[in-house]
Amino acid sequence: QVQLVESGGDLVQPGGSLRLSCAASGFAFRSYPMTWYRQAPGKERELVATIGQSGIFRNYADSVKGRFTIARDNAKNTVYLQMNSLKPEDTAMYYCYAQGPGYWGQGTQVTVSS
């Protein structure tokens, strides 16, 4: 059974940091690029960051470059999103996505507010 379980979302003040995790099971995690997406209320889902199978290739949305870092641990079947210098506009539900097989997690809520 394929599972992608996100965690780490929380309420944080502007300028704060969070680390999201996405634990995968039921498929060959190390064989696929992984992507974090986010969706704010009333907005379309947008790509945040992508990481290649080995972790060497990484790509970021312009809105998060220099603030967010995507990483993966293939031994733990987990992909991470380190988010620093958070802004209110980062408030959204964050989802991980396994490219290729097209699997989605259930999401974790990030709220940036004072």
C-alpha atoms as a PDB file:
ATOM      1  CA  GLN A   1       0.000   0.000   0.000  1.00  0.00           C
ATOM      2  CA  VAL A   2       1.436   3.328  -1.107  1.00  0.00           C
ATOM      3  CA  GLN A   3       1.642   6.003   1.565  1.00  0.00           C
ATOM      4  CA  LEU A   4       3.059   9.511   1.696  1.00  0.00           C
ATOM      5  CA  VAL A   5       2.686  11.013   5.152  1.00  0.00           C
ATOM      6  CA  GLU A   6       3.590  14.648   5.674  1.00  0.00           C
ATOM      7  CA  SER A   7       4.315  16.142   9.081  1.00  0.00           C
ATOM      8  CA  GLY A   8       5.877  19.204  10.660  1.00  0.00           C
ATOM      9  CA  GLY A   9       3.309  21.849   9.785  1.00  0.00           C
ATOM     10  CA  ASP A  10       2.496  24.360  12.500  1.00  0.00           C
ATOM     11  CA  LEU A  11       1.624  27.945  13.356  1.00  0.00           C
ATOM     12  CA  VAL A  12       4.776  30.084  13.289  1.00  0.00           C
ATOM     13  CA  GLN A  13       5.538  33.783  13.477  1.00  0.00           C
ATOM     14  CA  PRO A  14       6.915  35.690  10.478  1.00  0.00           C
ATOM     15  CA  GLY A  15      10.654  35.191  10.242  1.00  0.00           C
ATOM     16  CA  GLY A  16      10.436  31.784  11.883  1.00  0.00           C
ATOM     17  CA  SER A  17      11.427  28.352  10.606  1.00  0.00           C
ATOM     18  CA  LEU A  18       9.830  24.961  10.137  1.00  0.00           C
ATOM     19  CA  ARG A  19      10.991  21.632   8.766  1.00  0.00           C
ATOM     20  CA  LEU A  20       8.448  19.508   6.954  1.00  0.00           C
ATOM     21  CA  SER A  21       8.910  15.781   6.483  1.00  0.00           C
ATOM     22  CA  CYS A  22       7.273  13.343   4.093  1.00  0.00           C
ATOM     23  CA  ALA A  23       7.672   9.657   4.885  1.00  0.00           C
ATOM     24  CA  ALA A  24       7.089   7.320   1.954  1.00  0.00           C
ATOM     25  CA  SER A  25       6.266   3.640   1.850  1.00  0.00           C
ATOM     26  CA  GLY A  26       4.912   1.058  -0.549  1.00  0.00           C
ATOM     27  CA  PHE A  27       6.922   2.039  -3.619  1.00  0.00           C
ATOM     28  CA  ALA A  28      10.533   2.428  -4.782  1.00  0.00           C
ATOM     29  CA  PHE A  29      11.094   5.855  -3.230  1.00  0.00           C
ATOM     30  CA  ARG A  30      14.728   6.158  -4.333  1.00  0.00           C
ATOM     31  CA  SER A  31      13.735   5.706  -7.983  1.00  0.00           C
ATOM     32  CA  TYR A  32      11.681   8.881  -8.311  1.00  0.00           C
ATOM     33  CA  PRO A  33      12.071  12.619  -8.060  1.00  0.00           C
ATOM     34  CA  MET A  34      10.032  14.119  -5.254  1.00  0.00           C
ATOM     35  CA  THR A  35       8.254  17.467  -5.183  1.00  0.00           C
ATOM     36  CA  TRP A  36       6.717  19.698  -2.547  1.00  0.00           C
ATOM     37  CA  TYR A  37       3.627  21.629  -3.589  1.00  0.00           C
ATOM     38  CA  ARG A  38       1.490  24.057  -1.656  1.00  0.00           C
ATOM     39  CA  GLN A  39      -2.029  25.374  -1.942  1.00  0.00           C
ATOM     40  CA  ALA A  40      -3.406  28.425  -0.197  1.00  0.00           C
ATOM     41  CA  PRO A  41      -7.167  28.987   0.208  1.00  0.00           C
ATOM     42  CA  GLY A  42      -8.695  30.206  -3.030  1.00  0.00           C
ATOM     43  CA  LYS A  43      -5.480  29.698  -4.989  1.00  0.00           C
ATOM     44  CA  GLU A  44      -4.167  27.050  -7.337  1.00  0.00           C
ATOM     45  CA  ARG A  45      -1.706  24.455  -6.173  1.00  0.00           C
ATOM     46  CA  GLU A  46       1.847  25.604  -6.905  1.00  0.00           C
ATOM     47  CA  LEU A  47       5.180  23.834  -7.106  1.00  0.00           C
ATOM     48  CA  VAL A  48       7.542  24.770  -4.278  1.00  0.00           C
ATOM     49  CA  ALA A  49      10.609  22.576  -4.772  1.00  0.00           C
ATOM     50  CA  THR A  50      11.732  19.418  -6.572  1.00  0.00           C
ATOM     51  CA  ILE A  51      14.604  17.063  -5.858  1.00  0.00           C
ATOM     52  CA  GLY A  52      16.047  14.395  -8.133  1.00  0.00           C
ATOM     53  CA  GLN A  53      16.499  10.742  -7.249  1.00  0.00           C
ATOM     54  CA  SER A  54      20.037  11.143  -5.918  1.00  0.00           C
ATOM     55  CA  GLY A  55      19.443  14.529  -4.321  1.00  0.00           C
ATOM     56  CA  ILE A  56      21.899  16.345  -6.591  1.00  0.00           C
ATOM     57  CA  PHE A  57      19.307  18.065  -8.785  1.00  0.00           C
ATOM     58  CA  ARG A  58      17.156  20.605  -6.935  1.00  0.00           C
ATOM     59  CA  ASN A  59      14.787  23.213  -8.276  1.00  0.00           C
ATOM     60  CA  TYR A  60      12.828  25.920  -6.446  1.00  0.00           C
ATOM     61  CA  ALA A  61      10.019  28.330  -7.104  1.00  0.00           C
ATOM     62  CA  ASP A  62      11.313  31.899  -7.321  1.00  0.00           C
ATOM     63  CA  SER A  63       9.185  32.833  -4.326  1.00  0.00           C
ATOM     64  CA  VAL A  64      11.109  30.485  -1.997  1.00  0.00           C
ATOM     65  CA  LYS A  65      14.660  30.562  -3.424  1.00  0.00           C
ATOM     66  CA  GLY A  66      17.211  31.336  -0.742  1.00  0.00           C
ATOM     67  CA  ARG A  67      14.725  30.593   2.043  1.00  0.00           C
ATOM     68  CA  PHE A  68      13.653  26.963   1.528  1.00  0.00           C
ATOM     69  CA  THR A  69      15.820  23.875   1.104  1.00  0.00           C
ATOM     70  CA  ILE A  70      14.625  20.495  -0.133  1.00  0.00           C
ATOM     71  CA  ALA A  71      16.504  17.347   0.843  1.00  0.00           C
ATOM     72  CA  ARG A  72      15.974  13.597   0.870  1.00  0.00           C
ATOM     73  CA  ASP A  73      17.235  10.574   2.754  1.00  0.00           C
ATOM     74  CA  ASN A  74      16.801   7.517   0.567  1.00  0.00           C
ATOM     75  CA  ALA A  75      17.776   5.209   3.424  1.00  0.00           C
ATOM     76  CA  LYS A  76      14.800   6.530   5.407  1.00  0.00           C
ATOM     77  CA  ASN A  77      12.438   6.955   2.420  1.00  0.00           C
ATOM     78  CA  THR A  78      11.876  10.537   3.508  1.00  0.00           C
ATOM     79  CA  VAL A  79      11.927  13.929   1.809  1.00  0.00           C
ATOM     80  CA  TYR A  80      12.273  17.152   3.774  1.00  0.00           C
ATOM     81  CA  LEU A  81      11.544  20.829   3.278  1.00  0.00           C
ATOM     82  CA  GLN A  82      13.460  23.214   5.504  1.00  0.00           C
ATOM     83  CA  MET A  83      11.676  26.560   5.515  1.00  0.00           C
ATOM     84  CA  ASN A  84      13.415  29.640   6.916  1.00  0.00           C
ATOM     85  CA  SER A  85      12.501  33.316   7.021  1.00  0.00           C
ATOM     86  CA  LEU A  86       8.844  32.406   6.707  1.00  0.00           C
ATOM     87  CA  LYS A  87       6.388  35.012   5.461  1.00  0.00           C
ATOM     88  CA  PRO A  88       2.611  35.263   5.827  1.00  0.00           C
ATOM     89  CA  GLU A  89       2.317  34.490   2.111  1.00  0.00           C
ATOM     90  CA  ASP A  90       3.872  31.074   2.775  1.00  0.00           C
ATOM     91  CA  THR A  91       0.672  30.103   4.592  1.00  0.00           C
ATOM     92  CA  ALA A  92      -0.762  27.059   2.799  1.00  0.00           C
ATOM     93  CA  MET A  93      -1.342  23.346   2.911  1.00  0.00           C
ATOM     94  CA  TYR A  94       1.895  21.662   1.878  1.00  0.00           C
ATOM     95  CA  TYR A  95       1.861  18.367  -0.020  1.00  0.00           C
ATOM     96  CA  CYS A  96       4.556  15.991  -1.126  1.00  0.00           C
ATOM     97  CA  TYR A  97       4.294  14.310  -4.491  1.00  0.00           C
ATOM     98  CA  ALA A  98       6.121  11.338  -5.982  1.00  0.00           C
ATOM     99  CA  GLN A  99       6.748  12.016  -9.657  1.00  0.00           C
ATOM    100  CA  GLY A 100       6.415   9.089 -12.016  1.00  0.00           C
ATOM    101  CA  PRO A 101       3.862   7.051 -10.090  1.00  0.00           C
ATOM    102  CA  GLY A 102       1.914  10.224  -9.289  1.00  0.00           C
ATOM    103  CA  TYR A 103       1.305   9.682  -5.586  1.00  0.00           C
ATOM    104  CA  TRP A 104       0.153  12.490  -3.261  1.00  0.00           C
ATOM    105  CA  GLY A 105       0.273  12.844   0.489  1.00  0.00           C
ATOM    106  CA  GLN A 106      -2.605  14.179   2.571  1.00  0.00           C
ATOM    107  CA  GLY A 107      -0.874  17.479   3.331  1.00  0.00           C
ATOM    108  CA  THR A 108       0.323  19.380   6.381  1.00  0.00           C
ATOM    109  CA  GLN A 109      -0.824  22.898   7.267  1.00  0.00           C
ATOM    110  CA  VAL A 110       1.661  25.745   7.593  1.00  0.00           C
ATOM    111  CA  THR A 111       0.361  29.023   8.987  1.00  0.00           C
ATOM    112  CA  VAL A 112       2.602  32.066   9.268  1.00  0.00           C
ATOM    113  CA  SER A 113       1.040  34.747  11.421  1.00  0.00           C
ATOM    114  CA  SER A 114       1.825  37.031  14.308  1.00  0.00           C
END
